[in-house]
Amino acid sequence: MGQDDGRDEERPAHHVTLAPFRLCRFQVTNADFASFRPFAFECAEKPVTSVSWFDAMDFCRWLAARWDLPVRLPTEAEWEFAARGGLNGKLYPWGDSPVTSRPDYASRWIAGPEPIATSDPNGYGLYDMCENVHEWCSDWYDPRYYENSPAENPPGPGQGARRASRGGAWRHHIKIARCAARSSIPPEFRYADYGFRVAV
């Protein structure tokens, strides 16, 4: 987890052991979220956006009751493990080749996110990891957390002012993030490039 030649908050790179978990193959879509909280949208298959961390948590609780499963947001560690798709130490879910080498990169994500699963999945069969929208994680965010985080199932800091998020987003100049890249915003914020996917 992490990247020694990345940004300060990604250091040091370190080994993490995780208990088994499942992560949804897709980002939660407009249609998914509208089943929980009806709202107007243009494309059912695009990821839901402008949801706060609290909105995402409410959806997880609602879905947990429907599925009778402990649905939740993934931790940062789980998300990064899943994003790598089995390619440990690589920059991106597909390896180390630059984002600009991806098919049609320059013409994608011009005015908003794209429908889910328009890119090939990673090695674990997960779509849109590191791209399309930022994804909320369960953790509080601390840029220095890796300096003393536990080696097994790191849950994130016990408190904070911002919640962690992962992945790239459509409105950035570089639209695909590295697997190790970290981001965060206050949990009450609702941004047009923020969405989520669920874990169990």
N, C-alpha and C. Protein backbone atom coordinates (compact mmCIF):
# COMPACT_ATOMS: atom_id res chain seq x y z
N MET A 1 0.85 -1.19 0.00
CA MET A 1 0.00 0.00 0.00
C MET A 1 0.89 1.24 0.00
N GLY A 2 0.47 2.27 -0.76
CA GLY A 2 1.26 3.47 -0.84
C GLY A 2 2.27 3.44 -1.97
N GLN A 3 3.04 4.52 -2.08
CA GLN A 3 4.04 4.64 -3.15
C GLN A 3 5.16 5.55 -2.68
N ASP A 4 6.36 5.01 -2.58
CA ASP A 4 7.48 5.76 -2.01
C ASP A 4 7.88 6.96 -2.85
N ASP A 5 7.67 6.90 -4.16
CA ASP A 5 8.00 8.05 -4.99
C ASP A 5 6.75 8.86 -5.37
N GLY A 6 5.69 8.67 -4.60
CA GLY A 6 4.47 9.43 -4.81
C GLY A 6 4.43 10.68 -3.96
N ARG A 7 3.24 11.16 -3.68
CA ARG A 7 3.08 12.35 -2.85
C ARG A 7 3.37 12.01 -1.39
N ASP A 8 3.60 13.04 -0.59
CA ASP A 8 3.98 12.83 0.82
C ASP A 8 2.99 11.93 1.56
N GLU A 9 1.68 12.12 1.31
CA GLU A 9 0.68 11.36 2.05
C GLU A 9 0.59 9.90 1.63
N GLU A 10 1.33 9.53 0.56
CA GLU A 10 1.34 8.14 0.10
C GLU A 10 2.53 7.36 0.65
N ARG A 11 3.34 7.99 1.48
CA ARG A 11 4.55 7.38 2.01
C ARG A 11 4.41 7.07 3.49
N PRO A 12 5.12 6.04 3.95
CA PRO A 12 5.92 5.09 3.17
C PRO A 12 5.05 4.00 2.55
N ALA A 13 5.52 3.40 1.46
CA ALA A 13 4.88 2.19 0.97
C ALA A 13 5.04 1.11 2.03
N HIS A 14 4.01 0.31 2.26
CA HIS A 14 4.05 -0.65 3.36
C HIS A 14 3.13 -1.83 3.06
N HIS A 15 3.43 -2.95 3.69
CA HIS A 15 2.63 -4.16 3.51
C HIS A 15 1.41 -4.12 4.43
N VAL A 16 0.28 -4.51 3.89
CA VAL A 16 -0.97 -4.55 4.65
C VAL A 16 -1.63 -5.90 4.39
N THR A 17 -2.17 -6.50 5.43
CA THR A 17 -2.93 -7.74 5.31
C THR A 17 -4.40 -7.42 5.58
N LEU A 18 -5.28 -7.92 4.72
CA LEU A 18 -6.70 -7.64 4.84
C LEU A 18 -7.50 -8.91 5.02
N ALA A 19 -8.54 -8.84 5.82
CA ALA A 19 -9.50 -9.93 5.90
C ALA A 19 -10.28 -10.00 4.59
N PRO A 20 -10.82 -11.16 4.23
CA PRO A 20 -11.59 -11.26 2.99
C PRO A 20 -12.76 -10.27 2.97
N PHE A 21 -13.01 -9.71 1.81
CA PHE A 21 -14.14 -8.80 1.64
C PHE A 21 -14.59 -8.85 0.20
N ARG A 22 -15.75 -8.30 -0.06
CA ARG A 22 -16.24 -8.19 -1.43
C ARG A 22 -16.45 -6.72 -1.75
N LEU A 23 -16.19 -6.36 -3.01
CA LEU A 23 -16.39 -5.00 -3.48
C LEU A 23 -17.23 -5.05 -4.75
N CYS A 24 -18.22 -4.18 -4.84
CA CYS A 24 -19.09 -4.17 -6.01
C CYS A 24 -18.27 -3.90 -7.27
N ARG A 25 -18.60 -4.59 -8.35
CA ARG A 25 -17.87 -4.42 -9.61
C ARG A 25 -18.06 -3.02 -10.18
N PHE A 26 -19.16 -2.36 -9.82
CA PHE A 26 -19.52 -1.09 -10.44
C PHE A 26 -19.69 0.01 -9.40
N GLN A 27 -19.48 1.24 -9.83
CA GLN A 27 -19.86 2.38 -9.02
C GLN A 27 -21.39 2.42 -8.92
N VAL A 28 -21.90 2.89 -7.79
CA VAL A 28 -23.36 3.01 -7.62
C VAL A 28 -23.89 3.98 -8.67
N THR A 29 -24.92 3.56 -9.38
CA THR A 29 -25.46 4.36 -10.48
C THR A 29 -26.60 5.26 -10.02
N ASN A 30 -26.99 6.16 -10.93
CA ASN A 30 -28.17 6.99 -10.68
C ASN A 30 -29.40 6.13 -10.41
N ALA A 31 -29.58 5.08 -11.22
CA ALA A 31 -30.74 4.21 -11.03
C ALA A 31 -30.69 3.50 -9.68
N ASP A 32 -29.50 3.05 -9.29
CA ASP A 32 -29.36 2.40 -7.97
C ASP A 32 -29.78 3.35 -6.86
N PHE A 33 -29.23 4.55 -6.90
CA PHE A 33 -29.47 5.50 -5.82
C PHE A 33 -30.91 5.99 -5.82
N ALA A 34 -31.52 6.11 -7.00
CA ALA A 34 -32.91 6.56 -7.08
C ALA A 34 -33.88 5.56 -6.47
N SER A 35 -33.48 4.28 -6.42
CA SER A 35 -34.31 3.28 -5.74
C SER A 35 -34.39 3.55 -4.25
N PHE A 36 -33.34 4.16 -3.74
CA PHE A 36 -33.26 4.50 -2.32
C PHE A 36 -33.83 5.89 -2.04
N ARG A 37 -33.46 6.84 -2.87
CA ARG A 37 -33.86 8.24 -2.67
C ARG A 37 -34.18 8.84 -4.03
N PRO A 38 -35.45 8.85 -4.44
CA PRO A 38 -35.82 9.30 -5.79
C PRO A 38 -35.33 10.72 -6.09
N PHE A 39 -34.81 10.89 -7.30
CA PHE A 39 -34.36 12.20 -7.76
C PHE A 39 -34.33 12.17 -9.28
N ALA A 40 -34.28 13.33 -9.90
CA ALA A 40 -34.28 13.42 -11.36
C ALA A 40 -32.85 13.22 -11.89
N PHE A 41 -32.73 12.45 -12.96
CA PHE A 41 -31.42 12.22 -13.58
C PHE A 41 -31.61 11.98 -15.06
N GLU A 42 -30.52 12.13 -15.82
CA GLU A 42 -30.58 11.99 -17.28
C GLU A 42 -30.19 10.60 -17.77
N CYS A 43 -29.24 9.97 -17.10
CA CYS A 43 -28.75 8.66 -17.57
C CYS A 43 -28.70 7.70 -16.40
N ALA A 44 -29.48 6.64 -16.49
CA ALA A 44 -29.57 5.68 -15.39
C ALA A 44 -28.26 4.98 -15.10
N GLU A 45 -27.42 4.79 -16.14
CA GLU A 45 -26.20 4.00 -15.99
C GLU A 45 -24.96 4.82 -15.65
N LYS A 46 -25.11 6.12 -15.49
CA LYS A 46 -23.98 6.91 -15.01
C LYS A 46 -23.88 6.80 -13.50
N PRO A 47 -22.67 6.95 -12.95
CA PRO A 47 -22.54 6.89 -11.49
C PRO A 47 -23.27 8.06 -10.83
N VAL A 48 -23.90 7.79 -9.72
CA VAL A 48 -24.52 8.88 -8.97
C VAL A 48 -23.42 9.80 -8.47
N THR A 49 -23.67 11.10 -8.52
CA THR A 49 -22.69 12.09 -8.05
C THR A 49 -23.39 13.09 -7.14
N SER A 50 -22.60 14.00 -6.61
CA SER A 50 -23.12 15.03 -5.69
C SER A 50 -23.78 14.39 -4.48
N VAL A 51 -23.18 13.30 -4.02
CA VAL A 51 -23.63 12.65 -2.78
C VAL A 51 -22.56 12.87 -1.72
N SER A 52 -22.99 13.23 -0.54
CA SER A 52 -22.06 13.39 0.57
C SER A 52 -21.67 12.02 1.13
N TRP A 53 -20.68 12.03 2.00
CA TRP A 53 -20.30 10.78 2.69
C TRP A 53 -21.48 10.26 3.50
N PHE A 54 -22.25 11.16 4.09
CA PHE A 54 -23.42 10.75 4.88
C PHE A 54 -24.48 10.13 3.98
N ASP A 55 -24.68 10.68 2.78
CA ASP A 55 -25.62 10.09 1.83
C ASP A 55 -25.19 8.67 1.47
N ALA A 56 -23.90 8.50 1.22
CA ALA A 56 -23.40 7.18 0.86
C ALA A 56 -23.59 6.19 2.01
N MET A 57 -23.34 6.64 3.22
CA MET A 57 -23.55 5.77 4.39
C MET A 57 -25.02 5.40 4.56
N ASP A 58 -25.91 6.36 4.33
CA ASP A 58 -27.35 6.08 4.41
C ASP A 58 -27.75 5.03 3.37
N PHE A 59 -27.21 5.15 2.17
CA PHE A 59 -27.50 4.16 1.13
C PHE A 59 -27.01 2.78 1.55
N CYS A 60 -25.81 2.72 2.12
CA CYS A 60 -25.27 1.43 2.57
C CYS A 60 -26.17 0.79 3.62
N ARG A 61 -26.66 1.58 4.56
CA ARG A 61 -27.55 1.03 5.59
C ARG A 61 -28.86 0.53 4.98
N TRP A 62 -29.39 1.30 4.03
CA TRP A 62 -30.62 0.89 3.35
C TRP A 62 -30.41 -0.41 2.58
N LEU A 63 -29.30 -0.50 1.85
CA LEU A 63 -29.02 -1.70 1.07
C LEU A 63 -28.72 -2.90 1.97
N ALA A 64 -28.08 -2.64 3.09
CA ALA A 64 -27.81 -3.73 4.04
C ALA A 64 -29.11 -4.37 4.52
N ALA A 65 -30.12 -3.55 4.78
CA ALA A 65 -31.40 -4.08 5.21
C ALA A 65 -32.09 -4.86 4.09
N ARG A 66 -31.95 -4.40 2.85
CA ARG A 66 -32.57 -5.09 1.72
C ARG A 66 -31.88 -6.41 1.42
N TRP A 67 -30.57 -6.42 1.48
CA TRP A 67 -29.81 -7.61 1.14
C TRP A 67 -29.54 -8.53 2.33
N ASP A 68 -29.82 -8.04 3.53
CA ASP A 68 -29.49 -8.77 4.76
C ASP A 68 -28.00 -9.13 4.78
N LEU A 69 -27.18 -8.14 4.44
CA LEU A 69 -25.73 -8.27 4.45
C LEU A 69 -25.14 -7.00 5.05
N PRO A 70 -23.95 -7.08 5.63
CA PRO A 70 -23.33 -5.89 6.25
C PRO A 70 -22.70 -4.95 5.21
N VAL A 71 -23.54 -4.34 4.39
CA VAL A 71 -23.06 -3.44 3.33
C VAL A 71 -22.46 -2.18 3.95
N ARG A 72 -21.37 -1.71 3.38
CA ARG A 72 -20.65 -0.56 3.94
C ARG A 72 -19.79 0.06 2.85
N LEU A 73 -19.12 1.14 3.18
CA LEU A 73 -18.10 1.69 2.30
C LEU A 73 -16.78 0.95 2.53
N PRO A 74 -15.95 0.81 1.51
CA PRO A 74 -14.66 0.16 1.72
C PRO A 74 -13.70 1.06 2.49
N THR A 75 -12.74 0.45 3.15
CA THR A 75 -11.65 1.22 3.73
C THR A 75 -10.69 1.63 2.61
N GLU A 76 -9.82 2.59 2.92
CA GLU A 76 -8.80 2.97 1.93
C GLU A 76 -7.95 1.76 1.54
N ALA A 77 -7.58 0.96 2.54
CA ALA A 77 -6.73 -0.20 2.26
C ALA A 77 -7.44 -1.19 1.35
N GLU A 78 -8.71 -1.47 1.62
CA GLU A 78 -9.46 -2.38 0.77
C GLU A 78 -9.57 -1.82 -0.65
N TRP A 79 -9.85 -0.52 -0.75
CA TRP A 79 -10.02 0.09 -2.07
C TRP A 79 -8.72 -0.02 -2.88
N GLU A 80 -7.60 0.28 -2.25
CA GLU A 80 -6.33 0.23 -2.99
C GLU A 80 -5.99 -1.19 -3.40
N PHE A 81 -6.20 -2.14 -2.51
CA PHE A 81 -5.97 -3.54 -2.85
C PHE A 81 -6.83 -3.93 -4.06
N ALA A 82 -8.10 -3.56 -4.03
CA ALA A 82 -9.01 -3.91 -5.12
C ALA A 82 -8.62 -3.20 -6.41
N ALA A 83 -8.22 -1.93 -6.32
CA ALA A 83 -7.87 -1.17 -7.51
C ALA A 83 -6.69 -1.79 -8.24
N ARG A 84 -5.74 -2.33 -7.50
CA ARG A 84 -4.55 -2.90 -8.13
C ARG A 84 -4.87 -4.16 -8.93
N GLY A 85 -5.94 -4.82 -8.62
CA GLY A 85 -6.35 -5.98 -9.41
C GLY A 85 -5.32 -7.08 -9.47
N GLY A 86 -4.50 -7.21 -8.44
CA GLY A 86 -3.48 -8.25 -8.40
C GLY A 86 -2.12 -7.82 -8.93
N LEU A 87 -2.03 -6.59 -9.46
CA LEU A 87 -0.75 -6.09 -9.99
C LEU A 87 -0.04 -5.26 -8.92
N ASN A 88 0.52 -5.91 -7.95
CA ASN A 88 1.16 -5.21 -6.84
C ASN A 88 2.33 -4.38 -7.34
N GLY A 89 2.42 -3.16 -6.83
CA GLY A 89 3.53 -2.29 -7.15
C GLY A 89 3.39 -1.54 -8.46
N LYS A 90 2.32 -1.75 -9.18
CA LYS A 90 2.10 -1.03 -10.44
C LYS A 90 1.38 0.29 -10.17
N LEU A 91 1.54 1.23 -11.08
CA LEU A 91 0.95 2.55 -10.89
C LEU A 91 -0.57 2.55 -11.05
N TYR A 92 -1.05 1.79 -12.03
CA TYR A 92 -2.47 1.84 -12.41
C TYR A 92 -3.06 0.43 -12.43
N PRO A 93 -4.37 0.31 -12.51
CA PRO A 93 -4.97 -1.03 -12.54
C PRO A 93 -4.52 -1.89 -13.71
N TRP A 94 -4.01 -1.26 -14.78
CA TRP A 94 -3.56 -2.01 -15.96
C TRP A 94 -2.05 -2.16 -16.02
N GLY A 95 -1.31 -1.53 -15.12
CA GLY A 95 0.14 -1.60 -15.14
C GLY A 95 0.77 -0.23 -15.02
N ASP A 96 1.87 0.00 -15.71
CA ASP A 96 2.62 1.26 -15.58
C ASP A 96 2.55 2.17 -16.81
N SER A 97 1.90 1.73 -17.88
CA SER A 97 1.82 2.59 -19.06
C SER A 97 0.99 3.83 -18.74
N PRO A 98 1.33 4.98 -19.33
CA PRO A 98 0.68 6.24 -18.94
C PRO A 98 -0.80 6.28 -19.30
N VAL A 99 -1.52 7.14 -18.60
CA VAL A 99 -2.97 7.24 -18.84
C VAL A 99 -3.27 7.69 -20.26
N THR A 100 -2.38 8.46 -20.85
CA THR A 100 -2.62 8.95 -22.20
C THR A 100 -2.56 7.84 -23.24
N SER A 101 -2.07 6.67 -22.86
CA SER A 101 -2.03 5.54 -23.79
C SER A 101 -3.35 4.77 -23.81
N ARG A 102 -4.25 5.13 -22.94
CA ARG A 102 -5.55 4.44 -22.89
C ARG A 102 -6.38 4.81 -24.11
N PRO A 103 -7.15 3.86 -24.67
CA PRO A 103 -7.94 4.15 -25.87
C PRO A 103 -8.87 5.36 -25.67
N ASP A 104 -8.83 6.29 -26.59
CA ASP A 104 -9.72 7.46 -26.61
C ASP A 104 -9.62 8.33 -25.36
N TYR A 105 -8.48 8.28 -24.69
CA TYR A 105 -8.36 9.04 -23.44
C TYR A 105 -8.67 10.53 -23.64
N ALA A 106 -8.16 11.12 -24.70
CA ALA A 106 -8.32 12.56 -24.91
C ALA A 106 -9.76 12.98 -25.16
N SER A 107 -10.59 12.07 -25.63
CA SER A 107 -11.96 12.43 -25.97
C SER A 107 -12.99 11.94 -24.95
N ARG A 108 -12.52 11.40 -23.83
CA ARG A 108 -13.45 10.88 -22.83
C ARG A 108 -13.61 11.86 -21.67
N TRP A 109 -14.71 11.72 -20.95
CA TRP A 109 -14.99 12.50 -19.73
C TRP A 109 -14.89 14.00 -20.00
N ILE A 110 -15.54 14.46 -21.04
CA ILE A 110 -15.44 15.87 -21.41
C ILE A 110 -16.32 16.76 -20.53
N ALA A 111 -17.58 16.39 -20.36
CA ALA A 111 -18.51 17.24 -19.62
C ALA A 111 -19.10 16.56 -18.39
N GLY A 112 -18.65 15.36 -18.07
CA GLY A 112 -19.18 14.65 -16.91
C GLY A 112 -18.74 13.21 -16.92
N PRO A 113 -19.17 12.44 -15.94
CA PRO A 113 -18.80 11.02 -15.91
C PRO A 113 -19.47 10.26 -17.06
N GLU A 114 -18.90 9.13 -17.39
CA GLU A 114 -19.47 8.27 -18.42
C GLU A 114 -20.28 7.16 -17.76
N PRO A 115 -21.15 6.50 -18.51
CA PRO A 115 -21.83 5.32 -17.96
C PRO A 115 -20.81 4.33 -17.42
N ILE A 116 -21.20 3.60 -16.42
CA ILE A 116 -20.29 2.63 -15.80
C ILE A 116 -19.87 1.57 -16.82
N ALA A 117 -18.72 0.97 -16.56
CA ALA A 117 -18.22 -0.18 -17.33
C ALA A 117 -17.97 0.14 -18.80
N THR A 118 -17.56 1.36 -19.10
CA THR A 118 -17.18 1.70 -20.48
C THR A 118 -15.69 1.45 -20.72
N SER A 119 -14.94 1.14 -19.69
CA SER A 119 -13.55 0.71 -19.81
C SER A 119 -13.45 -0.76 -19.45
N ASP A 120 -12.36 -1.39 -19.84
CA ASP A 120 -12.15 -2.80 -19.47
C ASP A 120 -11.99 -2.92 -17.96
N PRO A 121 -12.42 -4.04 -17.38
CA PRO A 121 -12.23 -4.23 -15.94
C PRO A 121 -10.77 -4.53 -15.61
N ASN A 122 -10.43 -4.40 -14.34
CA ASN A 122 -9.07 -4.76 -13.91
C ASN A 122 -8.99 -6.27 -13.68
N GLY A 123 -7.88 -6.71 -13.13
CA GLY A 123 -7.66 -8.14 -12.95
C GLY A 123 -8.62 -8.82 -12.00
N TYR A 124 -9.32 -8.07 -11.17
CA TYR A 124 -10.33 -8.64 -10.28
C TYR A 124 -11.74 -8.49 -10.83
N GLY A 125 -11.86 -8.03 -12.07
CA GLY A 125 -13.18 -7.87 -12.67
C GLY A 125 -13.93 -6.63 -12.22
N LEU A 126 -13.20 -5.64 -11.69
CA LEU A 126 -13.81 -4.41 -11.19
C LEU A 126 -13.69 -3.30 -12.24
N TYR A 127 -14.77 -2.58 -12.45
CA TYR A 127 -14.82 -1.55 -13.49
C TYR A 127 -14.61 -0.16 -12.91
N ASP A 128 -13.96 0.68 -13.70
CA ASP A 128 -13.83 2.12 -13.40
C ASP A 128 -13.04 2.41 -12.14
N MET A 129 -12.21 1.49 -11.70
CA MET A 129 -11.33 1.79 -10.58
C MET A 129 -10.34 2.85 -11.04
N CYS A 130 -10.16 3.88 -10.25
CA CYS A 130 -9.23 4.97 -10.52
C CYS A 130 -9.74 5.98 -11.55
N GLU A 131 -11.00 5.87 -11.99
CA GLU A 131 -11.49 6.79 -13.02
C GLU A 131 -12.99 7.03 -12.87
N ASN A 132 -13.49 7.99 -13.63
CA ASN A 132 -14.90 8.36 -13.72
C ASN A 132 -15.31 9.31 -12.60
N VAL A 133 -15.36 8.83 -11.35
CA VAL A 133 -15.65 9.70 -10.20
C VAL A 133 -14.79 9.29 -9.01
N HIS A 134 -14.51 10.25 -8.15
CA HIS A 134 -13.90 9.92 -6.86
C HIS A 134 -14.87 9.04 -6.08
N GLU A 135 -14.33 8.12 -5.28
CA GLU A 135 -15.17 7.21 -4.51
C GLU A 135 -14.91 7.39 -3.02
N TRP A 136 -15.98 7.63 -2.29
CA TRP A 136 -15.88 7.75 -0.84
C TRP A 136 -15.36 6.45 -0.23
N CYS A 137 -14.53 6.57 0.79
CA CYS A 137 -14.12 5.45 1.63
C CYS A 137 -14.65 5.67 3.04
N SER A 138 -14.58 4.65 3.85
CA SER A 138 -15.13 4.75 5.21
C SER A 138 -14.23 5.55 6.15
N ASP A 139 -12.94 5.62 5.85
CA ASP A 139 -11.95 6.17 6.78
C ASP A 139 -12.04 7.69 6.96
N TRP A 140 -11.71 8.13 8.17
CA TRP A 140 -11.27 9.50 8.33
C TRP A 140 -9.94 9.64 7.60
N TYR A 141 -9.58 10.87 7.24
CA TYR A 141 -8.35 11.09 6.49
C TYR A 141 -7.30 11.77 7.35
N ASP A 142 -6.08 11.25 7.28
CA ASP A 142 -4.92 11.86 7.92
C ASP A 142 -3.75 11.69 6.95
N PRO A 143 -3.14 12.79 6.49
CA PRO A 143 -2.06 12.65 5.51
C PRO A 143 -0.85 11.90 6.05
N ARG A 144 -0.73 11.78 7.37
CA ARG A 144 0.42 11.09 7.96
C ARG A 144 0.05 9.72 8.54
N TYR A 145 -1.11 9.22 8.19
CA TYR A 145 -1.59 7.96 8.76
C TYR A 145 -0.66 6.79 8.48
N TYR A 146 -0.03 6.76 7.31
CA TYR A 146 0.81 5.62 6.96
C TYR A 146 2.04 5.49 7.84
N GLU A 147 2.41 6.55 8.54
CA GLU A 147 3.60 6.50 9.39
C GLU A 147 3.43 5.55 10.57
N ASN A 148 2.17 5.32 10.97
CA ASN A 148 1.95 4.44 12.13
C ASN A 148 0.67 3.60 11.99
N SER A 149 0.20 3.39 10.77
CA SER A 149 -1.03 2.61 10.59
C SER A 149 -0.77 1.14 10.87
N PRO A 150 -1.79 0.41 11.37
CA PRO A 150 -1.59 -1.01 11.66
C PRO A 150 -1.38 -1.82 10.38
N ALA A 151 -0.69 -2.93 10.51
CA ALA A 151 -0.37 -3.77 9.36
C ALA A 151 -1.52 -4.69 8.97
N GLU A 152 -2.50 -4.84 9.85
CA GLU A 152 -3.65 -5.70 9.56
C GLU A 152 -4.93 -4.89 9.60
N ASN A 153 -5.68 -4.96 8.53
CA ASN A 153 -7.00 -4.32 8.43
C ASN A 153 -7.00 -2.88 8.93
N PRO A 154 -6.15 -2.01 8.40
CA PRO A 154 -6.14 -0.63 8.89
C PRO A 154 -7.49 0.06 8.67
N PRO A 155 -8.10 0.58 9.75
CA PRO A 155 -9.43 1.18 9.63
C PRO A 155 -9.42 2.67 9.35
N GLY A 156 -8.23 3.27 9.31
CA GLY A 156 -8.14 4.71 9.22
C GLY A 156 -8.08 5.33 10.60
N PRO A 157 -7.81 6.63 10.67
CA PRO A 157 -7.72 7.31 11.97
C PRO A 157 -9.04 7.24 12.74
N GLY A 158 -8.94 7.43 14.03
CA GLY A 158 -10.13 7.39 14.88
C GLY A 158 -11.01 8.62 14.76
N GLN A 159 -10.47 9.71 14.26
CA GLN A 159 -11.24 10.94 14.12
C GLN A 159 -10.59 11.83 13.07
N GLY A 160 -11.28 12.89 12.70
CA GLY A 160 -10.73 13.81 11.72
C GLY A 160 -11.76 14.82 11.28
N ALA A 161 -11.39 15.63 10.31
CA ALA A 161 -12.30 16.64 9.76
C ALA A 161 -12.69 16.33 8.32
N ARG A 162 -11.96 15.41 7.69
CA ARG A 162 -12.21 15.06 6.30
C ARG A 162 -12.31 13.54 6.17
N ARG A 163 -13.09 13.07 5.21
CA ARG A 163 -13.19 11.64 4.92
C ARG A 163 -12.37 11.32 3.67
N ALA A 164 -11.78 10.15 3.70
CA ALA A 164 -10.92 9.72 2.60
C ALA A 164 -11.74 9.37 1.36
N SER A 165 -11.13 9.58 0.21
CA SER A 165 -11.71 9.16 -1.05
C SER A 165 -10.59 8.65 -1.94
N ARG A 166 -10.96 7.89 -2.94
CA ARG A 166 -9.97 7.31 -3.84
C ARG A 166 -10.44 7.40 -5.29
N GLY A 167 -9.47 7.30 -6.19
CA GLY A 167 -9.76 7.25 -7.61
C GLY A 167 -9.74 8.61 -8.28
N GLY A 168 -9.60 8.59 -9.58
CA GLY A 168 -9.62 9.81 -10.37
C GLY A 168 -11.04 10.26 -10.68
N ALA A 169 -11.17 11.39 -11.36
CA ALA A 169 -12.50 11.91 -11.66
C ALA A 169 -12.50 12.68 -12.96
N TRP A 170 -13.66 12.76 -13.54
CA TRP A 170 -13.85 13.30 -14.89
C TRP A 170 -13.42 14.76 -15.02
N ARG A 171 -13.50 15.55 -13.97
CA ARG A 171 -13.24 16.97 -14.16
C ARG A 171 -11.81 17.40 -13.84
N HIS A 172 -10.92 16.43 -13.62
CA HIS A 172 -9.52 16.76 -13.39
C HIS A 172 -8.75 16.85 -14.70
N HIS A 173 -7.65 17.59 -14.69
CA HIS A 173 -6.80 17.67 -15.87
C HIS A 173 -6.26 16.28 -16.22
N ILE A 174 -5.76 15.55 -15.23
CA ILE A 174 -5.40 14.13 -15.40
C ILE A 174 -6.56 13.33 -14.85
N LYS A 175 -7.27 12.63 -15.72
CA LYS A 175 -8.58 12.09 -15.37
C LYS A 175 -8.55 10.69 -14.75
N ILE A 176 -7.38 10.05 -14.73
CA ILE A 176 -7.24 8.74 -14.11
C ILE A 176 -6.17 8.83 -13.04
N ALA A 177 -6.48 8.38 -11.85
CA ALA A 177 -5.54 8.47 -10.73
C ALA A 177 -4.69 7.21 -10.63
N ARG A 178 -3.53 7.34 -10.01
CA ARG A 178 -2.74 6.16 -9.65
C ARG A 178 -3.44 5.39 -8.54
N CYS A 179 -3.16 4.10 -8.45
CA CYS A 179 -3.79 3.27 -7.41
C CYS A 179 -3.50 3.78 -6.01
N ALA A 180 -2.30 4.35 -5.81
CA ALA A 180 -1.90 4.79 -4.47
C ALA A 180 -2.37 6.20 -4.14
N ALA A 181 -2.88 6.94 -5.11
CA ALA A 181 -3.24 8.34 -4.88
C ALA A 181 -4.37 8.46 -3.88
N ARG A 182 -4.23 9.40 -2.95
CA ARG A 182 -5.21 9.62 -1.89
C ARG A 182 -5.84 11.01 -2.05
N SER A 183 -7.08 11.12 -1.65
CA SER A 183 -7.77 12.41 -1.66
C SER A 183 -8.76 12.43 -0.50
N SER A 184 -9.31 13.62 -0.24
CA SER A 184 -10.26 13.75 0.88
C SER A 184 -10.99 15.07 0.77
N ILE A 185 -12.20 15.10 1.32
CA ILE A 185 -12.97 16.33 1.49
C ILE A 185 -13.81 16.17 2.75
N PRO A 186 -14.36 17.26 3.29
CA PRO A 186 -15.26 17.13 4.44
C PRO A 186 -16.47 16.26 4.09
N PRO A 187 -16.94 15.46 5.02
CA PRO A 187 -17.98 14.46 4.70
C PRO A 187 -19.32 15.05 4.30
N GLU A 188 -19.57 16.30 4.63
CA GLU A 188 -20.86 16.90 4.27
C GLU A 188 -20.86 17.49 2.86
N PHE A 189 -19.71 17.56 2.20
CA PHE A 189 -19.63 18.16 0.87
C PHE A 189 -20.28 17.25 -0.17
N ARG A 190 -20.89 17.88 -1.16
CA ARG A 190 -21.46 17.16 -2.30
C ARG A 190 -20.86 17.74 -3.58
N TYR A 191 -20.01 16.98 -4.24
CA TYR A 191 -19.33 17.45 -5.44
C TYR A 191 -19.79 16.65 -6.66
N ALA A 192 -19.76 17.31 -7.82
CA ALA A 192 -20.23 16.70 -9.05
C ALA A 192 -19.30 15.59 -9.57
N ASP A 193 -18.16 15.43 -8.94
CA ASP A 193 -17.27 14.34 -9.35
C ASP A 193 -17.04 13.34 -8.21
N TYR A 194 -17.95 13.30 -7.26
CA TYR A 194 -17.85 12.36 -6.13
C TYR A 194 -18.99 11.37 -6.17
N GLY A 195 -18.66 10.07 -6.11
CA GLY A 195 -19.62 9.00 -6.00
C GLY A 195 -19.09 7.95 -5.05
N PHE A 196 -19.49 6.69 -5.25
CA PHE A 196 -19.02 5.62 -4.36
C PHE A 196 -19.40 4.27 -4.93
N ARG A 197 -18.79 3.23 -4.34
CA ARG A 197 -19.23 1.85 -4.56
C ARG A 197 -19.27 1.16 -3.21
N VAL A 198 -19.99 0.04 -3.13
CA VAL A 198 -20.21 -0.57 -1.83
C VAL A 198 -19.36 -1.82 -1.65
N ALA A 199 -19.10 -2.11 -0.37
CA ALA A 199 -18.36 -3.30 0.02
C ALA A 199 -19.19 -4.13 0.99
N VAL A 200 -18.77 -5.36 1.17
CA VAL A 200 -19.36 -6.25 2.19
C VAL A 200 -18.21 -6.99 2.85
